[in-house]
Structures are given as C-alpha cells and as structure tokens.
Amino acid sequence: MCAHAGMATPVTVSPRVTVSGQPIVTMASTYSIAGCTFPAMSSGAPPCATAQWTTAALRVTSMGQPVLLQDSIATCIPTGTPLLISATQPRVSAM
C-alpha cells in the first residue's frame, strides 16, 4: 500500500520461482498504485501512481534480479513517500 492507502500491485512477477504456489517479485518490477487518497486538491501534487524498489535481497536472485523481502524499501512516484508492505509469505526467508 502507498502511505495514503492506495493499493499497490506488481506490474510483473518472476514466473520461474514460486512460493506456496504464488510467483515471487523481484526488484526489477515496478508497482502500479490504484486508489491513492493523497490530498491533491490542497497541495496541487498528483497522487501516487507507481512505486520503484530501492532495496532487495543481497544474495538471493531470480533471473538475475534481487528478490523482494519483507524489509525491502520502495518509493512512490511522484510523491516520494514510502510503499508499505502489508502482506508477505512466511514460508521462506532470505538475506
């Protein structure tokens, strides 16, 4: 989710690796954001539209790209606010 309660979803996933039957996401994927409630009327700035990851796993990759982890960090564009991770899978851990 963006900091303004918009729902973020990955644009692409890594189809070669799955966890609990679901494909994983790597740092290369951007996230699209829908429903951002950023108060654009008062500030004149547009709401969150996408997010780009800035940190991911150091040692675990899929198809050459670092895998996203629970402590990965993303920045929403164009607001610059953080993307908040609200759901993860607990079956695998990485560093």
N, C-alpha and C. Protein backbone atom coordinates (compact mmCIF):
# COMPACT_ATOMS: atom_id res chain seq x y z
N MET A 1 0.84 -1.19 0.00
CA MET A 1 0.00 0.00 0.00
C MET A 1 0.89 1.25 0.00
N CYS A 2 0.40 2.30 -0.64
CA CYS A 2 1.12 3.56 -0.52
C CYS A 2 0.76 4.16 0.84
N ALA A 3 1.47 5.19 1.24
CA ALA A 3 1.25 5.81 2.54
C ALA A 3 -0.13 6.46 2.66
N HIS A 4 -0.84 6.57 1.54
CA HIS A 4 -2.16 7.21 1.53
C HIS A 4 -3.27 6.18 1.29
N ALA A 5 -2.99 4.91 1.56
CA ALA A 5 -3.94 3.80 1.48
C ALA A 5 -4.26 3.34 0.07
N GLY A 6 -3.46 3.70 -0.92
CA GLY A 6 -3.64 3.18 -2.27
C GLY A 6 -3.10 1.76 -2.36
N MET A 7 -3.78 0.90 -3.10
CA MET A 7 -3.35 -0.49 -3.25
C MET A 7 -2.31 -0.62 -4.36
N ALA A 8 -1.19 -1.23 -4.00
CA ALA A 8 -0.08 -1.42 -4.95
C ALA A 8 -0.05 -2.87 -5.41
N THR A 9 0.13 -3.06 -6.71
CA THR A 9 0.25 -4.40 -7.26
C THR A 9 1.43 -4.44 -8.23
N PRO A 10 2.15 -5.57 -8.26
CA PRO A 10 3.31 -5.65 -9.15
C PRO A 10 2.89 -5.66 -10.62
N VAL A 11 3.67 -4.97 -11.44
CA VAL A 11 3.41 -4.96 -12.88
C VAL A 11 3.83 -6.30 -13.49
N THR A 12 4.97 -6.84 -13.01
CA THR A 12 5.44 -8.14 -13.49
C THR A 12 5.86 -9.00 -12.29
N VAL A 13 5.84 -10.29 -12.48
CA VAL A 13 6.30 -11.24 -11.46
C VAL A 13 7.36 -12.14 -12.09
N SER A 14 8.06 -12.88 -11.25
CA SER A 14 9.07 -13.82 -11.73
C SER A 14 8.41 -15.19 -11.88
N PRO A 15 8.10 -15.61 -13.09
CA PRO A 15 7.35 -16.85 -13.29
C PRO A 15 8.12 -18.13 -13.00
N ARG A 16 9.44 -18.05 -12.91
CA ARG A 16 10.23 -19.27 -12.71
C ARG A 16 10.31 -19.72 -11.27
N VAL A 17 10.02 -18.81 -10.33
CA VAL A 17 10.10 -19.16 -8.91
C VAL A 17 8.76 -18.89 -8.26
N THR A 18 8.26 -19.88 -7.53
CA THR A 18 7.03 -19.69 -6.79
C THR A 18 7.24 -20.07 -5.32
N VAL A 19 6.45 -19.47 -4.46
CA VAL A 19 6.44 -19.79 -3.04
C VAL A 19 4.97 -20.00 -2.67
N SER A 20 4.67 -21.17 -2.14
CA SER A 20 3.28 -21.53 -1.83
C SER A 20 2.40 -21.39 -3.05
N GLY A 21 2.95 -21.69 -4.23
CA GLY A 21 2.18 -21.65 -5.47
C GLY A 21 2.03 -20.27 -6.08
N GLN A 22 2.59 -19.24 -5.46
CA GLN A 22 2.48 -17.88 -5.98
C GLN A 22 3.83 -17.43 -6.52
N PRO A 23 3.86 -16.72 -7.67
CA PRO A 23 5.13 -16.24 -8.20
C PRO A 23 5.71 -15.16 -7.30
N ILE A 24 7.05 -15.08 -7.25
CA ILE A 24 7.70 -14.05 -6.45
C ILE A 24 7.85 -12.78 -7.27
N VAL A 25 8.28 -11.71 -6.59
CA VAL A 25 8.51 -10.43 -7.26
C VAL A 25 9.95 -10.03 -7.02
N THR A 26 10.58 -9.47 -8.05
CA THR A 26 11.96 -9.02 -7.94
C THR A 26 12.01 -7.49 -7.93
N MET A 27 13.19 -7.00 -7.63
CA MET A 27 13.41 -5.55 -7.58
C MET A 27 13.16 -4.87 -8.92
N ALA A 28 13.26 -5.60 -10.00
CA ALA A 28 13.08 -5.03 -11.34
C ALA A 28 11.64 -4.62 -11.62
N SER A 29 10.69 -5.20 -10.90
CA SER A 29 9.28 -4.91 -11.15
C SER A 29 8.87 -3.59 -10.50
N THR A 30 8.17 -2.77 -11.26
CA THR A 30 7.53 -1.60 -10.67
C THR A 30 6.17 -2.03 -10.15
N TYR A 31 5.60 -1.25 -9.30
CA TYR A 31 4.26 -1.50 -8.79
C TYR A 31 3.35 -0.38 -9.26
N SER A 32 2.14 -0.72 -9.69
CA SER A 32 1.15 0.29 -10.03
C SER A 32 0.29 0.51 -8.78
N ILE A 33 -0.15 1.74 -8.59
CA ILE A 33 -0.91 2.09 -7.39
C ILE A 33 -2.27 2.62 -7.81
N ALA A 34 -3.33 2.06 -7.22
CA ALA A 34 -4.69 2.50 -7.50
C ALA A 34 -5.36 2.93 -6.20
N GLY A 35 -6.12 4.00 -6.26
CA GLY A 35 -6.89 4.44 -5.11
C GLY A 35 -6.12 5.26 -4.10
N CYS A 36 -5.02 5.88 -4.50
CA CYS A 36 -4.25 6.73 -3.58
C CYS A 36 -5.14 7.90 -3.17
N THR A 37 -5.18 8.17 -1.87
CA THR A 37 -6.02 9.26 -1.35
C THR A 37 -5.21 10.51 -1.02
N PHE A 38 -4.03 10.66 -1.65
CA PHE A 38 -3.21 11.84 -1.41
C PHE A 38 -4.05 13.09 -1.64
N PRO A 39 -4.00 14.04 -0.72
CA PRO A 39 -4.85 15.24 -0.85
C PRO A 39 -4.36 16.20 -1.94
N ALA A 40 -4.55 15.79 -3.17
CA ALA A 40 -4.07 16.58 -4.31
C ALA A 40 -4.74 17.95 -4.38
N MET A 41 -5.97 18.04 -3.94
CA MET A 41 -6.70 19.31 -4.02
C MET A 41 -6.01 20.40 -3.19
N SER A 42 -5.49 20.05 -2.04
CA SER A 42 -4.89 21.07 -1.17
C SER A 42 -3.45 21.39 -1.55
N SER A 43 -2.71 20.42 -2.08
CA SER A 43 -1.30 20.66 -2.38
C SER A 43 -1.03 20.89 -3.86
N GLY A 44 -1.92 20.45 -4.71
CA GLY A 44 -1.72 20.58 -6.14
C GLY A 44 -0.86 19.48 -6.74
N ALA A 45 -0.30 18.60 -5.89
CA ALA A 45 0.54 17.49 -6.37
C ALA A 45 -0.34 16.31 -6.76
N PRO A 46 0.09 15.54 -7.75
CA PRO A 46 -0.69 14.35 -8.14
C PRO A 46 -0.55 13.23 -7.12
N PRO A 47 -1.49 12.29 -7.09
CA PRO A 47 -1.42 11.15 -6.16
C PRO A 47 -0.35 10.14 -6.59
N CYS A 48 -0.06 9.18 -5.71
CA CYS A 48 0.89 8.11 -6.03
C CYS A 48 0.37 7.33 -7.23
N ALA A 49 1.23 7.04 -8.19
CA ALA A 49 0.83 6.31 -9.39
C ALA A 49 1.59 4.99 -9.52
N THR A 50 2.90 5.02 -9.21
CA THR A 50 3.73 3.83 -9.28
C THR A 50 4.69 3.83 -8.10
N ALA A 51 5.40 2.72 -7.93
CA ALA A 51 6.44 2.64 -6.91
C ALA A 51 7.61 1.87 -7.48
N GLN A 52 8.81 2.28 -7.11
CA GLN A 52 10.03 1.61 -7.56
C GLN A 52 10.82 1.17 -6.34
N TRP A 53 11.29 -0.07 -6.36
CA TRP A 53 12.04 -0.63 -5.25
C TRP A 53 13.47 -0.13 -5.27
N THR A 54 14.00 0.18 -4.07
CA THR A 54 15.37 0.67 -3.95
C THR A 54 16.27 -0.30 -3.20
N THR A 55 15.68 -1.22 -2.43
CA THR A 55 16.47 -2.26 -1.76
C THR A 55 15.77 -3.60 -1.91
N ALA A 56 16.56 -4.67 -1.90
CA ALA A 56 16.03 -6.03 -2.01
C ALA A 56 17.08 -6.98 -1.45
N ALA A 57 16.92 -8.27 -1.69
CA ALA A 57 17.86 -9.27 -1.18
C ALA A 57 19.26 -9.01 -1.72
N LEU A 58 20.25 -9.27 -0.88
CA LEU A 58 21.64 -9.12 -1.30
C LEU A 58 22.19 -10.38 -1.96
N ARG A 59 21.68 -11.53 -1.55
CA ARG A 59 22.26 -12.80 -2.01
C ARG A 59 21.29 -13.69 -2.79
N VAL A 60 20.02 -13.35 -2.82
CA VAL A 60 19.03 -14.21 -3.48
C VAL A 60 18.49 -13.49 -4.70
N THR A 61 18.59 -14.16 -5.86
CA THR A 61 18.10 -13.58 -7.10
C THR A 61 17.21 -14.56 -7.84
N SER A 62 16.44 -14.02 -8.75
CA SER A 62 15.64 -14.81 -9.68
C SER A 62 15.82 -14.18 -11.05
N MET A 63 16.29 -14.97 -12.00
CA MET A 63 16.54 -14.49 -13.35
C MET A 63 17.48 -13.27 -13.32
N GLY A 64 18.46 -13.29 -12.38
CA GLY A 64 19.46 -12.24 -12.29
C GLY A 64 19.04 -11.00 -11.53
N GLN A 65 17.82 -10.97 -11.01
CA GLN A 65 17.33 -9.80 -10.30
C GLN A 65 17.15 -10.11 -8.81
N PRO A 66 17.51 -9.17 -7.92
CA PRO A 66 17.33 -9.40 -6.48
C PRO A 66 15.84 -9.59 -6.13
N VAL A 67 15.58 -10.54 -5.26
CA VAL A 67 14.22 -10.86 -4.82
C VAL A 67 13.79 -9.86 -3.74
N LEU A 68 12.51 -9.48 -3.76
CA LEU A 68 11.99 -8.58 -2.73
C LEU A 68 11.80 -9.34 -1.43
N LEU A 69 12.08 -8.65 -0.32
CA LEU A 69 11.94 -9.22 1.01
C LEU A 69 11.00 -8.35 1.84
N GLN A 70 10.64 -8.84 3.03
CA GLN A 70 9.74 -8.10 3.90
C GLN A 70 10.33 -6.74 4.29
N ASP A 71 11.65 -6.63 4.36
CA ASP A 71 12.26 -5.36 4.74
C ASP A 71 12.75 -4.55 3.53
N SER A 72 12.34 -4.93 2.31
CA SER A 72 12.70 -4.16 1.12
C SER A 72 12.03 -2.78 1.18
N ILE A 73 12.64 -1.82 0.50
CA ILE A 73 12.14 -0.45 0.53
C ILE A 73 11.81 0.01 -0.88
N ALA A 74 10.66 0.69 -1.01
CA ALA A 74 10.24 1.26 -2.28
C ALA A 74 9.78 2.69 -2.07
N THR A 75 9.89 3.49 -3.12
CA THR A 75 9.46 4.88 -3.09
C THR A 75 8.35 5.07 -4.11
N CYS A 76 7.28 5.74 -3.67
CA CYS A 76 6.15 6.03 -4.56
C CYS A 76 6.50 7.21 -5.45
N ILE A 77 6.02 7.13 -6.68
CA ILE A 77 6.26 8.18 -7.67
C ILE A 77 4.90 8.77 -8.04
N PRO A 78 4.69 10.04 -8.00
CA PRO A 78 5.64 11.13 -7.87
C PRO A 78 5.75 11.72 -6.46
N THR A 79 5.09 11.16 -5.47
CA THR A 79 5.06 11.79 -4.14
C THR A 79 6.33 11.61 -3.32
N GLY A 80 7.10 10.54 -3.57
CA GLY A 80 8.32 10.29 -2.82
C GLY A 80 8.07 9.66 -1.46
N THR A 81 6.85 9.26 -1.18
CA THR A 81 6.53 8.62 0.09
C THR A 81 6.84 7.12 0.00
N PRO A 82 6.98 6.45 1.14
CA PRO A 82 7.32 5.02 1.10
C PRO A 82 6.14 4.14 0.72
N LEU A 83 6.44 2.99 0.14
CA LEU A 83 5.45 1.96 -0.10
C LEU A 83 5.46 1.08 1.15
N LEU A 84 4.30 0.76 1.68
CA LEU A 84 4.19 -0.02 2.91
C LEU A 84 3.85 -1.46 2.58
N ILE A 85 4.68 -2.39 3.04
CA ILE A 85 4.45 -3.81 2.80
C ILE A 85 3.42 -4.29 3.81
N SER A 86 2.27 -4.76 3.33
CA SER A 86 1.21 -5.17 4.24
C SER A 86 0.96 -6.67 4.23
N ALA A 87 1.50 -7.39 3.25
CA ALA A 87 1.32 -8.84 3.20
C ALA A 87 2.56 -9.49 2.60
N THR A 88 3.00 -10.57 3.21
CA THR A 88 4.13 -11.34 2.70
C THR A 88 3.83 -12.82 2.92
N GLN A 89 4.68 -13.66 2.38
CA GLN A 89 4.56 -15.08 2.66
C GLN A 89 5.62 -15.44 3.70
N PRO A 90 5.27 -16.22 4.71
CA PRO A 90 6.22 -16.52 5.80
C PRO A 90 7.02 -17.82 5.64
N ARG A 91 6.91 -18.51 4.51
CA ARG A 91 7.49 -19.84 4.39
C ARG A 91 8.98 -19.85 4.04
N VAL A 92 9.49 -18.76 3.50
CA VAL A 92 10.88 -18.71 3.07
C VAL A 92 11.50 -17.43 3.62
N SER A 93 12.75 -17.52 4.04
CA SER A 93 13.45 -16.31 4.47
C SER A 93 14.74 -16.19 3.67
N ALA A 94 15.23 -14.96 3.51
CA ALA A 94 16.43 -14.71 2.72
C ALA A 94 17.16 -13.50 3.27
N MET A 95 18.37 -13.30 2.76
CA MET A 95 19.12 -12.11 3.12
C MET A 95 19.75 -11.48 1.90
